[in-house]
Amino acid sequence: MLLLPYHPDYEEKIGCGVDYITIGHHPQFKESRCFFIVRKDGTVIDFSYWKCIKGFIRKRYPLFAESFLLRHFYRRTRARSETRT
């Protein structure tokens, strides 16, 4: 829960307050498991912990965040496709 405030849609995600966080299958992407916030009113919404981590890095290290994220978080599709051919 410490990273949750760094989510770009934090206010929308927590709504009336967080009761607990759980893991489940995403309703739209059946093969994908993800985190869900269960709010105090019983409603459930998914959230991305990657967005929380990226928000944390941007907030704490603004001068280096984008280069760090580019280097360590974004997929290198070009490098992967070159090794397959």
PDB file of N, CA and C in Angstrom:
ATOM      1  N   MET A   1       0.818  -1.192   0.000  1.00  0.00           N
ATOM      2  CA  MET A   1       0.000   0.000   0.000  1.00  0.00           C
ATOM      3  C   MET A   1       0.865   1.260   0.000  1.00  0.00           C
ATOM      4  N   LEU A   2       2.143   1.121   0.269  1.00  0.00           N
ATOM      5  CA  LEU A   2       3.002   2.291   0.303  1.00  0.00           C
ATOM      6  C   LEU A   2       3.221   2.896  -1.081  1.00  0.00           C
ATOM      7  N   LEU A   3       3.168   2.083  -2.128  1.00  0.00           N
ATOM      8  CA  LEU A   3       3.375   2.592  -3.483  1.00  0.00           C
ATOM      9  C   LEU A   3       2.091   3.112  -4.121  1.00  0.00           C
ATOM     10  N   LEU A   4       0.962   2.718  -3.617  1.00  0.00           N
ATOM     11  CA  LEU A   4      -0.319   3.078  -4.227  1.00  0.00           C
ATOM     12  C   LEU A   4      -0.509   4.588  -4.440  1.00  0.00           C
ATOM     13  N   PRO A   5      -0.084   5.452  -3.526  1.00  0.00           N
ATOM     14  CA  PRO A   5      -0.251   6.896  -3.756  1.00  0.00           C
ATOM     15  C   PRO A   5       0.496   7.422  -4.982  1.00  0.00           C
ATOM     16  N   TYR A   6       1.425   6.660  -5.514  1.00  0.00           N
ATOM     17  CA  TYR A   6       2.180   7.092  -6.685  1.00  0.00           C
ATOM     18  C   TYR A   6       1.503   6.701  -8.002  1.00  0.00           C
ATOM     19  N   HIS A   7       0.388   6.006  -7.932  1.00  0.00           N
ATOM     20  CA  HIS A   7      -0.358   5.651  -9.141  1.00  0.00           C
ATOM     21  C   HIS A   7      -0.936   6.941  -9.738  1.00  0.00           C
ATOM     22  N   PRO A   8      -0.864   7.103 -11.080  1.00  0.00           N
ATOM     23  CA  PRO A   8      -1.365   8.346 -11.682  1.00  0.00           C
ATOM     24  C   PRO A   8      -2.870   8.585 -11.466  1.00  0.00           C
ATOM     25  N   ASP A   9      -3.636   7.539 -11.238  1.00  0.00           N
ATOM     26  CA  ASP A   9      -5.079   7.662 -11.001  1.00  0.00           C
ATOM     27  C   ASP A   9      -5.434   7.288  -9.563  1.00  0.00           C
ATOM     28  N   TYR A  10      -4.574   7.639  -8.649  1.00  0.00           N
ATOM     29  CA  TYR A  10      -4.710   7.240  -7.247  1.00  0.00           C
ATOM     30  C   TYR A  10      -6.086   7.561  -6.666  1.00  0.00           C
ATOM     31  N   GLU A  11      -6.523   8.789  -6.786  1.00  0.00           N
ATOM     32  CA  GLU A  11      -7.799   9.202  -6.194  1.00  0.00           C
ATOM     33  C   GLU A  11      -8.958   8.379  -6.753  1.00  0.00           C
ATOM     34  N   GLU A  12      -8.946   8.168  -8.056  1.00  0.00           N
ATOM     35  CA  GLU A  12      -9.998   7.375  -8.702  1.00  0.00           C
ATOM     36  C   GLU A  12      -9.949   5.920  -8.231  1.00  0.00           C
ATOM     37  N   LYS A  13      -8.737   5.386  -8.076  1.00  0.00           N
ATOM     38  CA  LYS A  13      -8.594   3.980  -7.705  1.00  0.00           C
ATOM     39  C   LYS A  13      -9.048   3.723  -6.271  1.00  0.00           C
ATOM     40  N   ILE A  14      -8.718   4.605  -5.339  1.00  0.00           N
ATOM     41  CA  ILE A  14      -9.087   4.330  -3.943  1.00  0.00           C
ATOM     42  C   ILE A  14     -10.545   4.661  -3.648  1.00  0.00           C
ATOM     43  N   GLY A  15     -11.140   5.574  -4.408  1.00  0.00           N
ATOM     44  CA  GLY A  15     -12.553   5.892  -4.212  1.00  0.00           C
ATOM     45  C   GLY A  15     -12.865   6.269  -2.776  1.00  0.00           C
ATOM     46  N   CYS A  16     -13.772   5.524  -2.151  1.00  0.00           N
ATOM     47  CA  CYS A  16     -14.207   5.817  -0.776  1.00  0.00           C
ATOM     48  C   CYS A  16     -13.253   5.265   0.282  1.00  0.00           C
ATOM     49  N   GLY A  17     -12.173   4.618  -0.142  1.00  0.00           N
ATOM     50  CA  GLY A  17     -11.190   4.066   0.788  1.00  0.00           C
ATOM     51  C   GLY A  17     -10.891   2.617   0.470  1.00  0.00           C
ATOM     52  N   VAL A  18      -9.696   2.189   0.816  1.00  0.00           N
ATOM     53  CA  VAL A  18      -9.249   0.827   0.537  1.00  0.00           C
ATOM     54  C   VAL A  18      -9.533  -0.070   1.732  1.00  0.00           C
ATOM     55  N   ASP A  19     -10.220  -1.160   1.477  1.00  0.00           N
ATOM     56  CA  ASP A  19     -10.432  -2.167   2.516  1.00  0.00           C
ATOM     57  C   ASP A  19      -9.247  -3.131   2.508  1.00  0.00           C
ATOM     58  N   TYR A  20      -8.953  -3.680   1.306  1.00  0.00           N
ATOM     59  CA  TYR A  20      -7.784  -4.546   1.158  1.00  0.00           C
ATOM     60  C   TYR A  20      -7.433  -4.692  -0.319  1.00  0.00           C
ATOM     61  N   ILE A  21      -6.274  -5.289  -0.571  1.00  0.00           N
ATOM     62  CA  ILE A  21      -5.799  -5.553  -1.928  1.00  0.00           C
ATOM     63  C   ILE A  21      -5.718  -7.055  -2.112  1.00  0.00           C
ATOM     64  N   THR A  22      -6.134  -7.520  -3.288  1.00  0.00           N
ATOM     65  CA  THR A  22      -6.126  -8.953  -3.579  1.00  0.00           C
ATOM     66  C   THR A  22      -5.601  -9.187  -4.997  1.00  0.00           C
ATOM     67  N   ILE A  23      -5.381 -10.422  -5.337  1.00  0.00           N
ATOM     68  CA  ILE A  23      -4.930 -10.817  -6.672  1.00  0.00           C
ATOM     69  C   ILE A  23      -6.016 -11.669  -7.302  1.00  0.00           C
ATOM     70  N   GLY A  24      -6.261 -11.447  -8.576  1.00  0.00           N
ATOM     71  CA  GLY A  24      -7.263 -12.234  -9.279  1.00  0.00           C
ATOM     72  C   GLY A  24      -7.051 -12.181 -10.772  1.00  0.00           C
ATOM     73  N   HIS A  25      -7.922 -12.830 -11.508  1.00  0.00           N
ATOM     74  CA  HIS A  25      -7.850 -12.821 -12.968  1.00  0.00           C
ATOM     75  C   HIS A  25      -8.584 -11.605 -13.503  1.00  0.00           C
ATOM     76  N   HIS A  26      -7.940 -10.930 -14.427  1.00  0.00           N
ATOM     77  CA  HIS A  26      -8.528  -9.733 -15.017  1.00  0.00           C
ATOM     78  C   HIS A  26      -9.736 -10.135 -15.871  1.00  0.00           C
ATOM     79  N   PRO A  27     -10.869  -9.439 -15.726  1.00  0.00           N
ATOM     80  CA  PRO A  27     -12.076  -9.826 -16.463  1.00  0.00           C
ATOM     81  C   PRO A  27     -11.942  -9.671 -17.984  1.00  0.00           C
ATOM     82  N   GLN A  28     -11.114  -8.750 -18.420  1.00  0.00           N
ATOM     83  CA  GLN A  28     -10.946  -8.514 -19.846  1.00  0.00           C
ATOM     84  C   GLN A  28      -9.849  -9.392 -20.457  1.00  0.00           C
ATOM     85  N   PHE A  29      -8.794  -9.640 -19.714  1.00  0.00           N
ATOM     86  CA  PHE A  29      -7.663 -10.444 -20.171  1.00  0.00           C
ATOM     87  C   PHE A  29      -7.626 -11.709 -19.329  1.00  0.00           C
ATOM     88  N   LYS A  30      -8.345 -12.712 -19.731  1.00  0.00           N
ATOM     89  CA  LYS A  30      -8.611 -13.902 -18.917  1.00  0.00           C
ATOM     90  C   LYS A  30      -7.358 -14.636 -18.440  1.00  0.00           C
ATOM     91  N   GLU A  31      -6.295 -14.609 -19.236  1.00  0.00           N
ATOM     92  CA  GLU A  31      -5.071 -15.331 -18.869  1.00  0.00           C
ATOM     93  C   GLU A  31      -4.167 -14.517 -17.942  1.00  0.00           C
ATOM     94  N   SER A  32      -4.538 -13.288 -17.700  1.00  0.00           N
ATOM     95  CA  SER A  32      -3.688 -12.382 -16.934  1.00  0.00           C
ATOM     96  C   SER A  32      -4.179 -12.254 -15.493  1.00  0.00           C
ATOM     97  N   ARG A  33      -3.247 -12.390 -14.561  1.00  0.00           N
ATOM     98  CA  ARG A  33      -3.569 -12.126 -13.155  1.00  0.00           C
ATOM     99  C   ARG A  33      -3.123 -10.716 -12.829  1.00  0.00           C
ATOM    100  N   CYS A  34      -3.875 -10.047 -11.965  1.00  0.00           N
ATOM    101  CA  CYS A  34      -3.506  -8.680 -11.612  1.00  0.00           C
ATOM    102  C   CYS A  34      -3.966  -8.362 -10.193  1.00  0.00           C
ATOM    103  N   PHE A  35      -3.573  -7.188  -9.747  1.00  0.00           N
ATOM    104  CA  PHE A  35      -3.965  -6.712  -8.426  1.00  0.00           C
ATOM    105  C   PHE A  35      -5.295  -5.988  -8.509  1.00  0.00           C
ATOM    106  N   PHE A  36      -6.096  -6.161  -7.463  1.00  0.00           N
ATOM    107  CA  PHE A  36      -7.374  -5.477  -7.349  1.00  0.00           C
ATOM    108  C   PHE A  36      -7.465  -4.794  -5.995  1.00  0.00           C
ATOM    109  N   ILE A  37      -8.032  -3.603  -6.001  1.00  0.00           N
ATOM    110  CA  ILE A  37      -8.353  -2.895  -4.766  1.00  0.00           C
ATOM    111  C   ILE A  37      -9.810  -3.195  -4.450  1.00  0.00           C
ATOM    112  N   VAL A  38     -10.057  -3.652  -3.238  1.00  0.00           N
ATOM    113  CA  VAL A  38     -11.428  -3.816  -2.759  1.00  0.00           C
ATOM    114  C   VAL A  38     -11.682  -2.620  -1.851  1.00  0.00           C
ATOM    115  N   ARG A  39     -12.605  -1.792  -2.271  1.00  0.00           N
ATOM    116  CA  ARG A  39     -12.899  -0.562  -1.533  1.00  0.00           C
ATOM    117  C   ARG A  39     -13.806  -0.846  -0.337  1.00  0.00           C
ATOM    118  N   LYS A  40     -13.894   0.108   0.535  1.00  0.00           N
ATOM    119  CA  LYS A  40     -14.705  -0.042   1.750  1.00  0.00           C
ATOM    120  C   LYS A  40     -16.184  -0.226   1.458  1.00  0.00           C
ATOM    121  N   ASP A  41     -16.631   0.229   0.271  1.00  0.00           N
ATOM    122  CA  ASP A  41     -18.037   0.037  -0.090  1.00  0.00           C
ATOM    123  C   ASP A  41     -18.273  -1.280  -0.835  1.00  0.00           C
ATOM    124  N   GLY A  42     -17.208  -2.096  -0.971  1.00  0.00           N
ATOM    125  CA  GLY A  42     -17.327  -3.407  -1.610  1.00  0.00           C
ATOM    126  C   GLY A  42     -17.035  -3.414  -3.098  1.00  0.00           C
ATOM    127  N   THR A  43     -16.880  -2.247  -3.725  1.00  0.00           N
ATOM    128  CA  THR A  43     -16.546  -2.228  -5.145  1.00  0.00           C
ATOM    129  C   THR A  43     -15.100  -2.655  -5.353  1.00  0.00           C
ATOM    130  N   VAL A  44     -14.833  -3.196  -6.527  1.00  0.00           N
ATOM    131  CA  VAL A  44     -13.508  -3.735  -6.843  1.00  0.00           C
ATOM    132  C   VAL A  44     -13.007  -3.068  -8.115  1.00  0.00           C
ATOM    133  N   ILE A  45     -11.720  -2.684  -8.125  1.00  0.00           N
ATOM    134  CA  ILE A  45     -11.103  -2.079  -9.300  1.00  0.00           C
ATOM    135  C   ILE A  45      -9.659  -2.566  -9.424  1.00  0.00           C
ATOM    136  N   ASP A  46      -9.241  -2.804 -10.662  1.00  0.00           N
ATOM    137  CA  ASP A  46      -7.871  -3.265 -10.879  1.00  0.00           C
ATOM    138  C   ASP A  46      -6.911  -2.080 -10.830  1.00  0.00           C
ATOM    139  N   PHE A  47      -5.634  -2.377 -10.551  1.00  0.00           N
ATOM    140  CA  PHE A  47      -4.610  -1.339 -10.633  1.00  0.00           C
ATOM    141  C   PHE A  47      -3.280  -1.973 -11.009  1.00  0.00           C
ATOM    142  N   SER A  48      -2.424  -1.156 -11.593  1.00  0.00           N
ATOM    143  CA  SER A  48      -1.117  -1.598 -12.059  1.00  0.00           C
ATOM    144  C   SER A  48      -0.044  -1.201 -11.052  1.00  0.00           C
ATOM    145  N   TYR A  49       0.640  -2.185 -10.492  1.00  0.00           N
ATOM    146  CA  TYR A  49       1.720  -1.851  -9.575  1.00  0.00           C
ATOM    147  C   TYR A  49       2.900  -1.268 -10.351  1.00  0.00           C
ATOM    148  N   TRP A  50       3.017  -1.596 -11.645  1.00  0.00           N
ATOM    149  CA  TRP A  50       4.082  -1.000 -12.468  1.00  0.00           C
ATOM    150  C   TRP A  50       3.895   0.505 -12.570  1.00  0.00           C
ATOM    151  N   LYS A  51       2.659   0.958 -12.716  1.00  0.00           N
ATOM    152  CA  LYS A  51       2.397   2.399 -12.760  1.00  0.00           C
ATOM    153  C   LYS A  51       2.762   3.052 -11.436  1.00  0.00           C
ATOM    154  N   CYS A  52       2.543   2.344 -10.332  1.00  0.00           N
ATOM    155  CA  CYS A  52       2.913   2.862  -9.011  1.00  0.00           C
ATOM    156  C   CYS A  52       4.428   2.996  -8.893  1.00  0.00           C
ATOM    157  N   ILE A  53       5.154   1.976  -9.326  1.00  0.00           N
ATOM    158  CA  ILE A  53       6.617   2.001  -9.251  1.00  0.00           C
ATOM    159  C   ILE A  53       7.174   3.113 -10.135  1.00  0.00           C
ATOM    160  N   LYS A  54       6.646   3.222 -11.347  1.00  0.00           N
ATOM    161  CA  LYS A  54       7.116   4.272 -12.258  1.00  0.00           C
ATOM    162  C   LYS A  54       6.818   5.661 -11.695  1.00  0.00           C
ATOM    163  N   GLY A  55       5.654   5.839 -11.096  1.00  0.00           N
ATOM    164  CA  GLY A  55       5.314   7.113 -10.463  1.00  0.00           C
ATOM    165  C   GLY A  55       6.246   7.441  -9.309  1.00  0.00           C
ATOM    166  N   PHE A  56       6.604   6.428  -8.528  1.00  0.00           N
ATOM    167  CA  PHE A  56       7.540   6.609  -7.417  1.00  0.00           C
ATOM    168  C   PHE A  56       8.894   7.073  -7.929  1.00  0.00           C
ATOM    169  N   ILE A  57       9.383   6.412  -8.968  1.00  0.00           N
ATOM    170  CA  ILE A  57      10.691   6.771  -9.529  1.00  0.00           C
ATOM    171  C   ILE A  57      10.661   8.200 -10.069  1.00  0.00           C
ATOM    172  N   ARG A  58       9.597   8.560 -10.764  1.00  0.00           N
ATOM    173  CA  ARG A  58       9.492   9.918 -11.319  1.00  0.00           C
ATOM    174  C   ARG A  58       9.439  10.983 -10.217  1.00  0.00           C
ATOM    175  N   LYS A  59       8.774  10.672  -9.131  1.00  0.00           N
ATOM    176  CA  LYS A  59       8.642  11.632  -8.030  1.00  0.00           C
ATOM    177  C   LYS A  59       9.943  11.780  -7.246  1.00  0.00           C
ATOM    178  N   ARG A  60      10.593  10.660  -6.942  1.00  0.00           N
ATOM    179  CA  ARG A  60      11.790  10.681  -6.108  1.00  0.00           C
ATOM    180  C   ARG A  60      13.058  11.072  -6.858  1.00  0.00           C
ATOM    181  N   TYR A  61      13.119  10.744  -8.143  1.00  0.00           N
ATOM    182  CA  TYR A  61      14.334  10.973  -8.925  1.00  0.00           C
ATOM    183  C   TYR A  61      14.000  11.657 -10.258  1.00  0.00           C
ATOM    184  N   PRO A  62      13.446  12.861 -10.205  1.00  0.00           N
ATOM    185  CA  PRO A  62      12.954  13.489 -11.433  1.00  0.00           C
ATOM    186  C   PRO A  62      14.016  13.717 -12.505  1.00  0.00           C
ATOM    187  N   LEU A  63      15.236  13.983 -12.124  1.00  0.00           N
ATOM    188  CA  LEU A  63      16.278  14.247 -13.118  1.00  0.00           C
ATOM    189  C   LEU A  63      16.719  12.994 -13.869  1.00  0.00           C
ATOM    190  N   PHE A  64      16.599  11.847 -13.242  1.00  0.00           N
ATOM    191  CA  PHE A  64      17.099  10.609 -13.834  1.00  0.00           C
ATOM    192  C   PHE A  64      16.001   9.620 -14.207  1.00  0.00           C
ATOM    193  N   ALA A  65      14.770   9.950 -13.876  1.00  0.00           N
ATOM    194  CA  ALA A  65      13.668   8.986 -14.000  1.00  0.00           C
ATOM    195  C   ALA A  65      13.483   8.466 -15.415  1.00  0.00           C
ATOM    196  N   GLU A  66      13.371   9.345 -16.385  1.00  0.00           N
ATOM    197  CA  GLU A  66      13.063   8.884 -17.746  1.00  0.00           C
ATOM    198  C   GLU A  66      14.162   8.018 -18.321  1.00  0.00           C
ATOM    199  N   SER A  67      15.413   8.389 -18.114  1.00  0.00           N
ATOM    200  CA  SER A  67      16.497   7.545 -18.644  1.00  0.00           C
ATOM    201  C   SER A  67      16.539   6.206 -17.922  1.00  0.00           C
ATOM    202  N   PHE A  68      16.274   6.204 -16.615  1.00  0.00           N
ATOM    203  CA  PHE A  68      16.238   4.948 -15.860  1.00  0.00           C
ATOM    204  C   PHE A  68      15.102   4.049 -16.350  1.00  0.00           C
ATOM    205  N   LEU A  69      13.923   4.644 -16.527  1.00  0.00           N
ATOM    206  CA  LEU A  69      12.774   3.865 -16.984  1.00  0.00           C
ATOM    207  C   LEU A  69      12.996   3.320 -18.386  1.00  0.00           C
ATOM    208  N   LEU A  70      13.559   4.131 -19.264  1.00  0.00           N
ATOM    209  CA  LEU A  70      13.849   3.657 -20.618  1.00  0.00           C
ATOM    210  C   LEU A  70      14.822   2.487 -20.596  1.00  0.00           C
ATOM    211  N   ARG A  71      15.800   2.572 -19.740  1.00  0.00           N
ATOM    212  CA  ARG A  71      16.822   1.533 -19.683  1.00  0.00           C
ATOM    213  C   ARG A  71      16.328   0.252 -19.018  1.00  0.00           C
ATOM    214  N   HIS A  72      15.518   0.369 -17.977  1.00  0.00           N
ATOM    215  CA  HIS A  72      15.185  -0.797 -17.159  1.00  0.00           C
ATOM    216  C   HIS A  72      13.738  -1.288 -17.226  1.00  0.00           C
ATOM    217  N   PHE A  73      12.820  -0.476 -17.716  1.00  0.00           N
ATOM    218  CA  PHE A  73      11.417  -0.871 -17.656  1.00  0.00           C
ATOM    219  C   PHE A  73      10.744  -1.105 -18.990  1.00  0.00           C
ATOM    220  N   TYR A  74      11.157  -0.381 -20.005  1.00  0.00           N
ATOM    221  CA  TYR A  74      10.477  -0.531 -21.282  1.00  0.00           C
ATOM    222  C   TYR A  74      11.092  -1.646 -22.090  1.00  0.00           C
ATOM    223  N   ARG A  75      10.245  -2.395 -22.749  1.00  0.00           N
ATOM    224  CA  ARG A  75      10.711  -3.559 -23.497  1.00  0.00           C
ATOM    225  C   ARG A  75      11.541  -3.138 -24.680  1.00  0.00           C
ATOM    226  N   ARG A  76      12.526  -3.937 -24.951  1.00  0.00           N
ATOM    227  CA  ARG A  76      13.405  -3.685 -26.091  1.00  0.00           C
ATOM    228  C   ARG A  76      12.968  -4.560 -27.244  1.00  0.00           C
ATOM    229  N   THR A  77      11.889  -4.184 -27.887  1.00  0.00           N
ATOM    230  CA  THR A  77      11.321  -5.013 -28.953  1.00  0.00           C
ATOM    231  C   THR A  77      12.257  -5.104 -30.144  1.00  0.00           C
ATOM    232  N   ARG A  78      12.977  -4.047 -30.445  1.00  0.00           N
ATOM    233  CA  ARG A  78      13.896  -4.069 -31.579  1.00  0.00           C
ATOM    234  C   ARG A  78      15.010  -5.079 -31.349  1.00  0.00           C
ATOM    235  N   ALA A  79      15.597  -5.071 -30.161  1.00  0.00           N
ATOM    236  CA  ALA A  79      16.698  -5.992 -29.852  1.00  0.00           C
ATOM    237  C   ALA A  79      16.198  -7.438 -29.894  1.00  0.00           C
ATOM    238  N   ARG A  80      15.009  -7.684 -29.403  1.00  0.00           N
ATOM    239  CA  ARG A  80      14.464  -9.036 -29.404  1.00  0.00           C
ATOM    240  C   ARG A  80      14.172  -9.520 -30.815  1.00  0.00           C
ATOM    241  N   SER A  81      13.613  -8.658 -31.650  1.00  0.00           N
ATOM    242  CA  SER A  81      13.265  -9.076 -33.011  1.00  0.00           C
ATOM    243  C   SER A  81      14.512  -9.322 -33.844  1.00  0.00           C
ATOM    244  N   GLU A  82      15.591  -8.583 -33.578  1.00  0.00           N
ATOM    245  CA  GLU A  82      16.832  -8.795 -34.312  1.00  0.00           C
ATOM    246  C   GLU A  82      17.478 -10.126 -33.966  1.00  0.00           C
ATOM    247  N   THR A  83      17.357 -10.570 -32.733  1.00  0.00           N
ATOM    248  CA  THR A  83      17.971 -11.833 -32.328  1.00  0.00           C
ATOM    249  C   THR A  83      17.185 -13.039 -32.858  1.00  0.00           C
ATOM    250  N   ARG A  84      15.931 -12.840 -33.190  1.00  0.00           N
ATOM    251  CA  ARG A  84      15.098 -13.941 -33.682  1.00  0.00           C
ATOM    252  C   ARG A  84      15.289 -14.203 -35.158  1.00  0.00           C
ATOM    253  N   THR A  85      15.767 -13.239 -35.912  1.00  0.00           N
ATOM    254  CA  THR A  85      15.896 -13.428 -37.363  1.00  0.00           C
ATOM    255  C   THR A  85      17.189 -14.085 -37.747  1.00  0.00           C
TER     256      THR A  85
END
